[in-house]
C-alpha atoms as a PDB file:
ATOM      1  CA  MET A   1     -33.114  20.096   5.681  1.00  0.00           C
ATOM      2  CA  THR A   2     -33.284  16.842   7.784  1.00  0.00           C
ATOM      3  CA  LYS A   3     -29.888  15.090   8.112  1.00  0.00           C
ATOM      4  CA  PRO A   4     -29.845  11.540   6.640  1.00  0.00           C
ATOM      5  CA  THR A   5     -29.981   8.666   9.063  1.00  0.00           C
ATOM      6  CA  LEU A   6     -27.135   6.056   9.057  1.00  0.00           C
ATOM      7  CA  THR A   7     -29.356   3.646   7.147  1.00  0.00           C
ATOM      8  CA  GLU A   8     -29.938   6.254   4.384  1.00  0.00           C
ATOM      9  CA  THR A   9     -26.180   7.116   4.498  1.00  0.00           C
ATOM     10  CA  LEU A  10     -25.108   3.584   3.918  1.00  0.00           C
ATOM     11  CA  ALA A  11     -27.636   2.930   1.004  1.00  0.00           C
ATOM     12  CA  LEU A  12     -26.130   1.770  -2.302  1.00  0.00           C
ATOM     13  CA  GLU A  13     -27.074   2.516  -5.955  1.00  0.00           C
ATOM     14  CA  ARG A  14     -27.154  -0.652  -8.098  1.00  0.00           C
ATOM     15  CA  LEU A  15     -25.276   0.071 -11.265  1.00  0.00           C
ATOM     16  CA  GLU A  16     -25.296  -3.455 -12.611  1.00  0.00           C
ATOM     17  CA  VAL A  17     -26.356  -6.981 -11.571  1.00  0.00           C
ATOM     18  CA  ASN A  18     -23.220  -7.261  -9.365  1.00  0.00           C
ATOM     19  CA  LEU A  19     -22.053  -3.687  -9.291  1.00  0.00           C
ATOM     20  CA  PHE A  20     -22.966  -1.097  -6.699  1.00  0.00           C
ATOM     21  CA  ARG A  21     -22.106   2.591  -5.867  1.00  0.00           C
ATOM     22  CA  GLY A  22     -21.791   4.115  -2.326  1.00  0.00           C
ATOM     23  CA  THR A  23     -20.929   7.435  -1.001  1.00  0.00           C
ATOM     24  CA  THR A  24     -19.571   9.098   2.265  1.00  0.00           C
ATOM     25  CA  PRO A  25     -21.728  11.381   4.401  1.00  0.00           C
ATOM     26  CA  GLU A  26     -21.486  15.076   3.240  1.00  0.00           C
ATOM     27  CA  GLY A  27     -19.312  17.353   5.430  1.00  0.00           C
ATOM     28  CA  GLU A  28     -17.198  14.411   6.599  1.00  0.00           C
ATOM     29  CA  SER A  29     -14.038  15.918   7.869  1.00  0.00           C
ATOM     30  CA  ARG A  30     -11.900  12.889   8.027  1.00  0.00           C
ATOM     31  CA  GLN A  31      -8.993  12.618   5.687  1.00  0.00           C
ATOM     32  CA  ARG A  32      -9.749   9.079   4.998  1.00  0.00           C
ATOM     33  CA  ILE A  33     -13.148   7.106   4.997  1.00  0.00           C
ATOM     34  CA  TYR A  34     -14.019   5.416   8.436  1.00  0.00           C
ATOM     35  CA  GLY A  35     -13.281   1.981   8.184  1.00  0.00           C
ATOM     36  CA  GLY A  36     -16.638   0.725   9.588  1.00  0.00           C
ATOM     37  CA  GLN A  37     -18.377   2.447   6.659  1.00  0.00           C
ATOM     38  CA  VAL A  38     -16.670   0.478   4.064  1.00  0.00           C
ATOM     39  CA  ILE A  39     -17.329  -2.725   6.031  1.00  0.00           C
ATOM     40  CA  ALA A  40     -20.960  -2.061   6.317  1.00  0.00           C
ATOM     41  CA  GLN A  41     -21.517  -0.962   2.692  1.00  0.00           C
ATOM     42  CA  SER A  42     -19.465  -4.078   1.549  1.00  0.00           C
ATOM     43  CA  LEU A  43     -21.643  -6.372   3.610  1.00  0.00           C
ATOM     44  CA  LEU A  44     -24.718  -4.470   2.243  1.00  0.00           C
ATOM     45  CA  ALA A  45     -23.557  -4.992  -1.341  1.00  0.00           C
ATOM     46  CA  ALA A  46     -23.118  -8.737  -0.723  1.00  0.00           C
ATOM     47  CA  TYR A  47     -26.575  -8.847   0.821  1.00  0.00           C
ATOM     48  CA  GLU A  48     -28.047  -7.440  -2.381  1.00  0.00           C
ATOM     49  CA  THR A  49     -26.901 -10.784  -4.137  1.00  0.00           C
ATOM     50  CA  VAL A  50     -28.137 -13.157  -1.474  1.00  0.00           C
ATOM     51  CA  GLU A  51     -31.669 -14.471  -0.743  1.00  0.00           C
ATOM     52  CA  ASP A  52     -32.977 -16.031   2.440  1.00  0.00           C
ATOM     53  CA  ARG A  53     -29.615 -16.425   4.156  1.00  0.00           C
ATOM     54  CA  VAL A  54     -27.973 -14.522   7.011  1.00  0.00           C
ATOM     55  CA  CYS A  55     -24.140 -13.661   7.233  1.00  0.00           C
ATOM     56  CA  HIS A  56     -22.383 -15.630   9.975  1.00  0.00           C
ATOM     57  CA  SER A  57     -18.961 -14.313   9.352  1.00  0.00           C
ATOM     58  CA  LEU A  58     -17.028 -11.875   7.472  1.00  0.00           C
ATOM     59  CA  HIS A  59     -13.261 -11.252   6.858  1.00  0.00           C
ATOM     60  CA  CYS A  60     -11.787  -8.149   5.455  1.00  0.00           C
ATOM     61  CA  TYR A  61      -8.514  -6.194   4.664  1.00  0.00           C
ATOM     62  CA  PHE A  62      -8.077  -2.455   4.515  1.00  0.00           C
ATOM     63  CA  ILE A  63      -5.707  -2.083   1.410  1.00  0.00           C
ATOM     64  CA  ARG A  64      -5.598   1.832   0.880  1.00  0.00           C
ATOM     65  CA  PRO A  65      -6.950   4.894   2.669  1.00  0.00           C
ATOM     66  CA  GLY A  66     -10.365   5.553   1.202  1.00  0.00           C
ATOM     67  CA  ASP A  67     -11.180   9.088  -0.313  1.00  0.00           C
ATOM     68  CA  PRO A  68     -14.287  10.494   1.305  1.00  0.00           C
ATOM     69  CA  THR A  69     -14.836  13.084  -1.455  1.00  0.00           C
ATOM     70  CA  ILE A  70     -15.683  10.610  -4.208  1.00  0.00           C
ATOM     71  CA  PRO A  71     -17.957   7.614  -4.503  1.00  0.00           C
ATOM     72  CA  ILE A  72     -16.925   3.977  -3.877  1.00  0.00           C
ATOM     73  CA  ILE A  73     -17.613   1.183  -6.396  1.00  0.00           C
ATOM     74  CA  PHE A  74     -18.384  -2.287  -4.905  1.00  0.00           C
ATOM     75  CA  GLU A  75     -18.009  -5.209  -7.152  1.00  0.00           C
ATOM     76  CA  VAL A  76     -19.597  -8.376  -5.835  1.00  0.00           C
ATOM     77  CA  ASP A  77     -18.238 -11.857  -6.941  1.00  0.00           C
ATOM     78  CA  ARG A  78     -20.664 -14.766  -6.440  1.00  0.00           C
ATOM     79  CA  SER A  79     -18.220 -17.219  -5.323  1.00  0.00           C
ATOM     80  CA  ARG A  80     -20.390 -20.001  -4.314  1.00  0.00           C
ATOM     81  CA  ASP A  81     -24.243 -20.829  -3.787  1.00  0.00           C
ATOM     82  CA  GLY A  82     -24.273 -24.185  -1.898  1.00  0.00           C
ATOM     83  CA  GLY A  83     -27.041 -26.051  -0.201  1.00  0.00           C
ATOM     84  CA  SER A  84     -26.553 -24.550   3.249  1.00  0.00           C
ATOM     85  CA  PHE A  85     -23.895 -21.691   2.729  1.00  0.00           C
ATOM     86  CA  THR A  86     -23.372 -18.965   0.299  1.00  0.00           C
ATOM     87  CA  THR A  87     -20.141 -17.185  -0.144  1.00  0.00           C
ATOM     88  CA  ARG A  88     -19.530 -13.731  -1.621  1.00  0.00           C
ATOM     89  CA  ARG A  89     -16.332 -11.666  -2.285  1.00  0.00           C
ATOM     90  CA  VAL A  90     -16.698  -7.861  -2.456  1.00  0.00           C
ATOM     91  CA  ILE A  91     -14.128  -5.559  -3.817  1.00  0.00           C
ATOM     92  CA  ALA A  92     -14.236  -1.785  -3.056  1.00  0.00           C
ATOM     93  CA  VAL A  93     -12.499   0.462  -5.776  1.00  0.00           C
ATOM     94  CA  GLN A  94     -11.623   4.212  -5.942  1.00  0.00           C
ATOM     95  CA  HIS A  95      -9.474   6.015  -8.514  1.00  0.00           C
ATOM     96  CA  GLY A  96      -9.142   2.634 -10.338  1.00  0.00           C
ATOM     97  CA  GLN A  97      -7.465   0.815  -7.327  1.00  0.00           C
ATOM     98  CA  GLN A  98      -8.677  -1.522  -4.679  1.00  0.00           C
ATOM     99  CA  ILE A  99      -9.100   0.056  -1.318  1.00  0.00           C
ATOM    100  CA  PHE A 100     -10.676  -2.706   0.436  1.00  0.00           C
ATOM    101  CA  ASN A 101     -11.878  -6.228   0.062  1.00  0.00           C
ATOM    102  CA  LEU A 102     -14.266  -8.395   2.093  1.00  0.00           C
ATOM    103  CA  ALA A 103     -15.259 -12.104   2.115  1.00  0.00           C
ATOM    104  CA  ALA A 104     -18.555 -13.125   3.682  1.00  0.00           C
ATOM    105  CA  SER A 105     -20.286 -16.362   4.215  1.00  0.00           C
ATOM    106  CA  PHE A 106     -24.160 -16.709   4.755  1.00  0.00           C
ATOM    107  CA  GLN A 107     -26.048 -19.559   6.017  1.00  0.00           C
ATOM    108  CA  VAL A 108     -29.569 -20.877   5.954  1.00  0.00           C
ATOM    109  CA  ASP A 109     -31.522 -20.823   9.263  1.00  0.00           C
ATOM    110  CA  GLU A 110     -30.468 -23.976  11.129  1.00  0.00           C
ATOM    111  CA  GLN A 111     -30.743 -25.248  14.823  1.00  0.00           C
ATOM    112  CA  GLY A 112     -28.053 -26.990  16.652  1.00  0.00           C
ATOM    113  CA  TYR A 113     -25.944 -27.152  19.808  1.00  0.00           C
ATOM    114  CA  GLU A 114     -25.748 -23.868  21.777  1.00  0.00           C
ATOM    115  CA  HIS A 115     -23.255 -22.365  24.544  1.00  0.00           C
ATOM    116  CA  GLN A 116     -21.773 -19.061  25.125  1.00  0.00           C
ATOM    117  CA  SER A 117     -19.397 -17.195  27.615  1.00  0.00           C
ATOM    118  CA  ASP A 118     -21.084 -15.133  30.283  1.00  0.00           C
ATOM    119  CA  PRO A 119     -20.860 -11.319  30.001  1.00  0.00           C
ATOM    120  CA  PRO A 120     -18.410  -9.721  32.521  1.00  0.00           C
ATOM    121  CA  ASP A 121     -19.575  -7.487  35.303  1.00  0.00           C
ATOM    122  CA  ALA A 122     -20.049  -3.897  34.136  1.00  0.00           C
ATOM    123  CA  PRO A 123     -21.939  -0.794  35.378  1.00  0.00           C
ATOM    124  CA  ALA A 124     -25.303  -0.140  33.585  1.00  0.00           C
ATOM    125  CA  TRP A 125     -25.297   1.902  30.410  1.00  0.00           C
ATOM    126  CA  ASP A 126     -27.084   4.670  32.232  1.00  0.00           C
ATOM    127  CA  ASP A 127     -24.567   4.995  34.920  1.00  0.00           C
ATOM    128  CA  VAL A 128     -21.877   5.741  32.516  1.00  0.00           C
ATOM    129  CA  GLU A 129     -21.227   9.148  31.009  1.00  0.00           C
ATOM    130  CA  ASP A 130     -22.106   9.563  27.405  1.00  0.00           C
ATOM    131  CA  ASP A 131     -18.976  10.040  25.375  1.00  0.00           C
ATOM    132  CA  ALA A 132     -20.519  13.088  23.518  1.00  0.00           C
ATOM    133  CA  GLU A 133     -20.753  14.718  26.764  1.00  0.00           C
ATOM    134  CA  VAL A 134     -17.189  14.021  27.616  1.00  0.00           C
ATOM    135  CA  ARG A 135     -16.214  15.529  24.314  1.00  0.00           C
ATOM    136  CA  ARG A 136     -18.355  18.682  24.794  1.00  0.00           C
ATOM    137  CA  ARG A 137     -16.893  19.131  28.257  1.00  0.00           C
ATOM    138  CA  LEU A 138     -13.432  19.044  26.922  1.00  0.00           C
ATOM    139  CA  ARG A 139     -14.289  21.152  23.736  1.00  0.00           C
ATOM    140  CA  ALA A 140     -12.503  24.291  25.256  1.00  0.00           C
ATOM    141  CA  GLU A 141      -9.230  22.554  25.195  1.00  0.00           C
ATOM    142  CA  ALA A 142      -9.619  20.795  21.879  1.00  0.00           C
ATOM    143  CA  PRO A 143      -7.762  22.038  18.682  1.00  0.00           C
ATOM    144  CA  PRO A 144      -9.666  23.788  16.068  1.00  0.00           C
ATOM    145  CA  GLU A 145      -9.562  20.871  13.647  1.00  0.00           C
ATOM    146  CA  ASP A 146     -11.321  18.738  16.169  1.00  0.00           C
ATOM    147  CA  LEU A 147     -14.236  20.968  16.771  1.00  0.00           C
ATOM    148  CA  ASP A 148     -16.388  19.860  13.788  1.00  0.00           C
ATOM    149  CA  TRP A 149     -16.208  16.199  14.932  1.00  0.00           C
ATOM    150  CA  ILE A 150     -16.942  17.179  18.485  1.00  0.00           C
ATOM    151  CA  ASP A 151     -20.023  19.253  17.555  1.00  0.00           C
ATOM    152  CA  ARG A 152     -21.491  16.742  15.141  1.00  0.00           C
ATOM    153  CA  GLU A 153     -24.088  14.263  16.231  1.00  0.00           C
ATOM    154  CA  GLN A 154     -22.742  10.744  15.804  1.00  0.00           C
ATOM    155  CA  PRO A 155     -24.767   7.937  14.543  1.00  0.00           C
ATOM    156  CA  ILE A 156     -23.799   5.420  17.199  1.00  0.00           C
ATOM    157  CA  GLU A 157     -24.314   6.388  20.902  1.00  0.00           C
ATOM    158  CA  MET A 158     -21.291   5.307  23.104  1.00  0.00           C
ATOM    159  CA  HIS A 159     -20.805   5.280  26.906  1.00  0.00           C
ATOM    160  CA  THR A 160     -17.229   4.266  27.628  1.00  0.00           C
ATOM    161  CA  VAL A 161     -16.812   2.570  31.170  1.00  0.00           C
ATOM    162  CA  GLY A 162     -14.355   4.570  33.246  1.00  0.00           C
ATOM    163  CA  GLY A 163     -14.336   7.443  30.662  1.00  0.00           C
ATOM    164  CA  ARG A 164     -12.855   7.856  27.273  1.00  0.00           C
ATOM    165  CA  PHE A 165      -9.106   7.665  26.775  1.00  0.00           C
ATOM    166  CA  ASP A 166      -7.524  11.204  27.049  1.00  0.00           C
ATOM    167  CA  VAL A 167      -6.056  11.823  23.718  1.00  0.00           C
ATOM    168  CA  ALA A 168      -4.480  15.011  24.790  1.00  0.00           C
ATOM    169  CA  ALA A 169      -2.593  13.764  27.809  1.00  0.00           C
ATOM    170  CA  PRO A 170      -2.664   9.964  27.254  1.00  0.00           C
ATOM    171  CA  GLN A 171      -1.446   7.742  30.347  1.00  0.00           C
ATOM    172  CA  PRO A 172      -0.669   4.011  30.110  1.00  0.00           C
ATOM    173  CA  LEU A 173      -3.666   1.913  30.756  1.00  0.00           C
ATOM    174  CA  ASP A 174      -4.801  -1.662  30.905  1.00  0.00           C
ATOM    175  CA  PRO A 175      -5.243  -3.108  27.393  1.00  0.00           C
ATOM    176  CA  ARG A 176      -8.945  -3.795  28.271  1.00  0.00           C
ATOM    177  CA  GLN A 177     -12.079  -1.621  27.951  1.00  0.00           C
ATOM    178  CA  GLN A 178     -15.842  -1.896  27.956  1.00  0.00           C
ATOM    179  CA  VAL A 179     -18.090   0.266  25.848  1.00  0.00           C
ATOM    180  CA  TRP A 180     -22.015   0.636  25.934  1.00  0.00           C
ATOM    181  CA  PHE A 181     -23.305   1.321  22.366  1.00  0.00           C
ATOM    182  CA  ARG A 182     -26.233   1.305  20.146  1.00  0.00           C
ATOM    183  CA  ALA A 183     -27.624   2.971  17.005  1.00  0.00           C
ATOM    184  CA  ARG A 184     -28.776   6.450  17.599  1.00  0.00           C
ATOM    185  CA  HIS A 185     -31.661   6.446  15.186  1.00  0.00           C
ATOM    186  CA  PRO A 186     -34.340   3.703  14.420  1.00  0.00           C
ATOM    187  CA  ILE A 187     -32.973   1.126  12.000  1.00  0.00           C
ATOM    188  CA  GLY A 188     -36.415  -0.402  11.084  1.00  0.00           C
ATOM    189  CA  ASP A 189     -37.496  -3.998  10.829  1.00  0.00           C
ATOM    190  CA  ASP A 190     -34.822  -5.281   8.410  1.00  0.00           C
ATOM    191  CA  ALA A 191     -32.816  -7.812  10.460  1.00  0.00           C
ATOM    192  CA  HIS A 192     -29.991  -7.502   7.799  1.00  0.00           C
ATOM    193  CA  MET A 193     -29.699  -3.784   8.231  1.00  0.00           C
ATOM    194  CA  HIS A 194     -29.344  -4.287  12.104  1.00  0.00           C
ATOM    195  CA  GLN A 195     -26.403  -6.570  11.323  1.00  0.00           C
ATOM    196  CA  VAL A 196     -24.969  -4.192   8.706  1.00  0.00           C
ATOM    197  CA  ILE A 197     -24.983  -1.204  11.239  1.00  0.00           C
ATOM    198  CA  LEU A 198     -23.522  -3.400  14.056  1.00  0.00           C
ATOM    199  CA  ALA A 199     -20.696  -4.180  11.556  1.00  0.00           C
ATOM    200  CA  TYR A 200     -20.288  -0.373  11.109  1.00  0.00           C
ATOM    201  CA  ALA A 201     -20.120   0.293  14.753  1.00  0.00           C
ATOM    202  CA  SER A 202     -17.826  -2.616  15.581  1.00  0.00           C
ATOM    203  CA  ASP A 203     -14.691  -0.722  14.208  1.00  0.00           C
ATOM    204  CA  MET A 204     -15.304   1.918  16.720  1.00  0.00           C
ATOM    205  CA  SER A 205     -12.812   2.119  19.683  1.00  0.00           C
ATOM    206  CA  LEU A 206     -11.470  -1.465  18.967  1.00  0.00           C
ATOM    207  CA  LEU A 207      -8.011  -0.327  17.635  1.00  0.00           C
ATOM    208  CA  GLY A 208      -7.535   2.014  20.594  1.00  0.00           C
ATOM    209  CA  THR A 209      -7.570  -0.956  22.969  1.00  0.00           C
ATOM    210  CA  ALA A 210      -4.090  -1.955  21.751  1.00  0.00           C
ATOM    211  CA  ILE A 211      -2.812   1.600  22.068  1.00  0.00           C
ATOM    212  CA  ARG A 212      -3.996   2.104  25.710  1.00  0.00           C
ATOM    213  CA  PRO A 213      -0.898   0.421  27.410  1.00  0.00           C
ATOM    214  CA  HIS A 214       1.552   2.724  25.620  1.00  0.00           C
ATOM    215  CA  GLY A 215       0.655   6.271  26.617  1.00  0.00           C
ATOM    216  CA  VAL A 216       0.231   7.511  23.138  1.00  0.00           C
ATOM    217  CA  SER A 217      -2.829   8.710  21.114  1.00  0.00           C
ATOM    218  CA  TRP A 218      -3.487   9.780  17.687  1.00  0.00           C
ATOM    219  CA  ARG A 219      -2.510  13.335  18.557  1.00  0.00           C
ATOM    220  CA  THR A 220       1.031  12.232  19.677  1.00  0.00           C
ATOM    221  CA  PRO A 221       3.556  13.807  17.113  1.00  0.00           C
ATOM    222  CA  GLY A 222       4.757  11.084  14.801  1.00  0.00           C
ATOM    223  CA  PHE A 223       2.272   8.338  15.848  1.00  0.00           C
ATOM    224  CA  GLN A 224       0.359   6.531  13.076  1.00  0.00           C
ATOM    225  CA  SER A 225      -2.555   4.066  13.597  1.00  0.00           C
ATOM    226  CA  ALA A 226      -4.911   2.567  10.934  1.00  0.00           C
ATOM    227  CA  SER A 227      -6.965  -0.615  10.774  1.00  0.00           C
ATOM    228  CA  LEU A 228      -5.310  -3.381   8.770  1.00  0.00           C
ATOM    229  CA  ASP A 229      -7.831  -6.118   8.896  1.00  0.00           C
ATOM    230  CA  HIS A 230     -11.193  -6.872  10.493  1.00  0.00           C
ATOM    231  CA  ALA A 231     -12.985 -10.163  11.173  1.00  0.00           C
ATOM    232  CA  MET A 232     -16.564 -10.556  12.508  1.00  0.00           C
ATOM    233  CA  TRP A 233     -18.582 -13.464  13.650  1.00  0.00           C
ATOM    234  CA  PHE A 234     -22.538 -12.974  14.029  1.00  0.00           C
ATOM    235  CA  HIS A 235     -23.723 -15.607  16.544  1.00  0.00           C
ATOM    236  CA  ARG A 236     -27.379 -14.337  16.920  1.00  0.00           C
ATOM    237  CA  PRO A 237     -29.659 -11.844  15.580  1.00  0.00           C
ATOM    238  CA  THR A 238     -30.291  -8.640  17.618  1.00  0.00           C
ATOM    239  CA  ASP A 239     -31.843  -5.266  17.682  1.00  0.00           C
ATOM    240  CA  PHE A 240     -29.094  -2.792  17.568  1.00  0.00           C
ATOM    241  CA  ASN A 241     -31.445  -0.077  18.582  1.00  0.00           C
ATOM    242  CA  GLN A 242     -31.051  -1.486  22.030  1.00  0.00           C
ATOM    243  CA  TRP A 243     -27.997  -1.216  24.177  1.00  0.00           C
ATOM    244  CA  HIS A 244     -25.001  -3.684  23.872  1.00  0.00           C
ATOM    245  CA  LEU A 245     -21.888  -4.020  25.859  1.00  0.00           C
ATOM    246  CA  TYR A 246     -18.724  -4.078  23.650  1.00  0.00           C
ATOM    247  CA  VAL A 247     -16.134  -5.898  25.699  1.00  0.00           C
ATOM    248  CA  GLN A 248     -12.628  -5.334  24.290  1.00  0.00           C
ATOM    249  CA  GLU A 249      -9.026  -6.578  24.988  1.00  0.00           C
ATOM    250  CA  SER A 250      -5.683  -6.515  23.323  1.00  0.00           C
ATOM    251  CA  PRO A 251      -3.628  -9.588  24.112  1.00  0.00           C
ATOM    252  CA  SER A 252      -0.683  -8.611  21.905  1.00  0.00           C
ATOM    253  CA  ALA A 253       1.327  -5.896  20.068  1.00  0.00           C
ATOM    254  CA  SER A 254       4.249  -6.486  18.104  1.00  0.00           C
ATOM    255  CA  GLY A 255       6.034  -5.537  14.850  1.00  0.00           C
ATOM    256  CA  GLY A 256       4.311  -2.204  14.615  1.00  0.00           C
ATOM    257  CA  ARG A 257       0.874  -3.877  14.930  1.00  0.00           C
ATOM    258  CA  GLY A 258      -1.776  -4.228  17.686  1.00  0.00           C
ATOM    259  CA  PHE A 259      -4.081  -7.182  17.888  1.00  0.00           C
ATOM    260  CA  ASN A 260      -7.565  -6.779  19.444  1.00  0.00           C
ATOM    261  CA  LEU A 261     -10.534  -8.993  20.281  1.00  0.00           C
ATOM    262  CA  GLY A 262     -14.064  -7.785  20.954  1.00  0.00           C
ATOM    263  CA  TYR A 263     -17.325  -9.520  22.343  1.00  0.00           C
ATOM    264  CA  ILE A 264     -20.687  -8.019  21.888  1.00  0.00           C
ATOM    265  CA  TYR A 265     -23.417  -8.786  24.445  1.00  0.00           C
ATOM    266  CA  ARG A 266     -26.946  -7.572  24.578  1.00  0.00           C
ATOM    267  CA  ALA A 267     -27.789  -5.660  27.628  1.00  0.00           C
ATOM    268  CA  SER A 268     -31.301  -7.010  27.928  1.00  0.00           C
ATOM    269  CA  ASP A 269     -30.515 -10.644  28.519  1.00  0.00           C
ATOM    270  CA  GLY A 270     -26.635 -11.038  28.384  1.00  0.00           C
ATOM    271  CA  VAL A 271     -26.749 -12.868  25.044  1.00  0.00           C
ATOM    272  CA  LEU A 272     -23.477 -12.832  23.051  1.00  0.00           C
ATOM    273  CA  VAL A 273     -24.621 -11.702  19.750  1.00  0.00           C
ATOM    274  CA  ALA A 274     -21.120 -11.218  17.822  1.00  0.00           C
ATOM    275  CA  SER A 275     -17.339 -11.360  18.281  1.00  0.00           C
ATOM    276  CA  CYS A 276     -14.718  -9.390  16.434  1.00  0.00           C
ATOM    277  CA  ALA A 277     -10.921  -9.591  15.776  1.00  0.00           C
ATOM    278  CA  GLN A 278      -8.834  -6.876  14.472  1.00  0.00           C
ATOM    279  CA  GLU A 279      -5.223  -6.115  13.701  1.00  0.00           C
ATOM    280  CA  GLY A 280      -4.015  -2.518  13.297  1.00  0.00           C
ATOM    281  CA  LEU A 281      -1.001  -0.512  12.553  1.00  0.00           C
ATOM    282  CA  MET A 282       0.498   1.310  15.391  1.00  0.00           C
ATOM    283  CA  ARG A 283       3.887   2.885  15.138  1.00  0.00           C
ATOM    284  CA  LEU A 284       5.676   5.952  16.299  1.00  0.00           C
ATOM    285  CA  ARG A 285       7.915   7.594  13.602  1.00  0.00           C
ATOM    286  CA  LYS A 286      10.782   9.477  15.080  1.00  0.00           C
ATOM    287  CA  PRO A 287      11.399  13.164  13.753  1.00  0.00           C
ATOM    288  CA  ARG A 288      14.198  13.371  11.228  1.00  0.00           C
END
């Protein structure tokens, strides 16, 4: 049996005019739903109620951990349909409770002033080791509960410049990192789906940027981390089957939260296609 692609996994079932149902991939071993999945499916639900406009920004909050064993219900509120902009609000529900909400704004195609920051220097993607190869190389030292994740083909290819953060023996590092990434399987010609899958991938590794300076990881006893909110701005359309450089930095951590910024540049021409901001929980609970 052929494993479904990410596009097929994210697909929604329409239950009513503004009501949709989504599921989590079978065999998912996480205790909670990956945040990028619910971002992507919520954006997809919003797109199902919008015509001839493209999302330029989204802002969302993670309210409760999602349960990967049951479907998610997405309710779309058609907040406004204006002359140039359309606004949608999406609420994701499980067990009768909100687990996530998203507000997104869509705009008609419009020409205007343009400028962008230049991409930083970075080694080419093919000069950086594939993260999947790094995981497989360290497989012998991994605990049994990590083996399913290590062996499973991930839908997003990632090459972390300087190598992946060592979760088994973390050392304090600079709160900056660069990651080459792209969708592993063909997305197709739907430009909206390229945007949806870019949103899915944007949650990968971003929270870890704030953790890097502190010499801890999700394996550190008592350490807790989770995305709290996520914002994304889409500047230009792109083909996410091609390589992109995800430049990440964490300018601040305080109050048990880490703040992160991300900038996504297209490899072929250095165009800045999207920017992200995220705050996440990061606390160390002392044993009692």
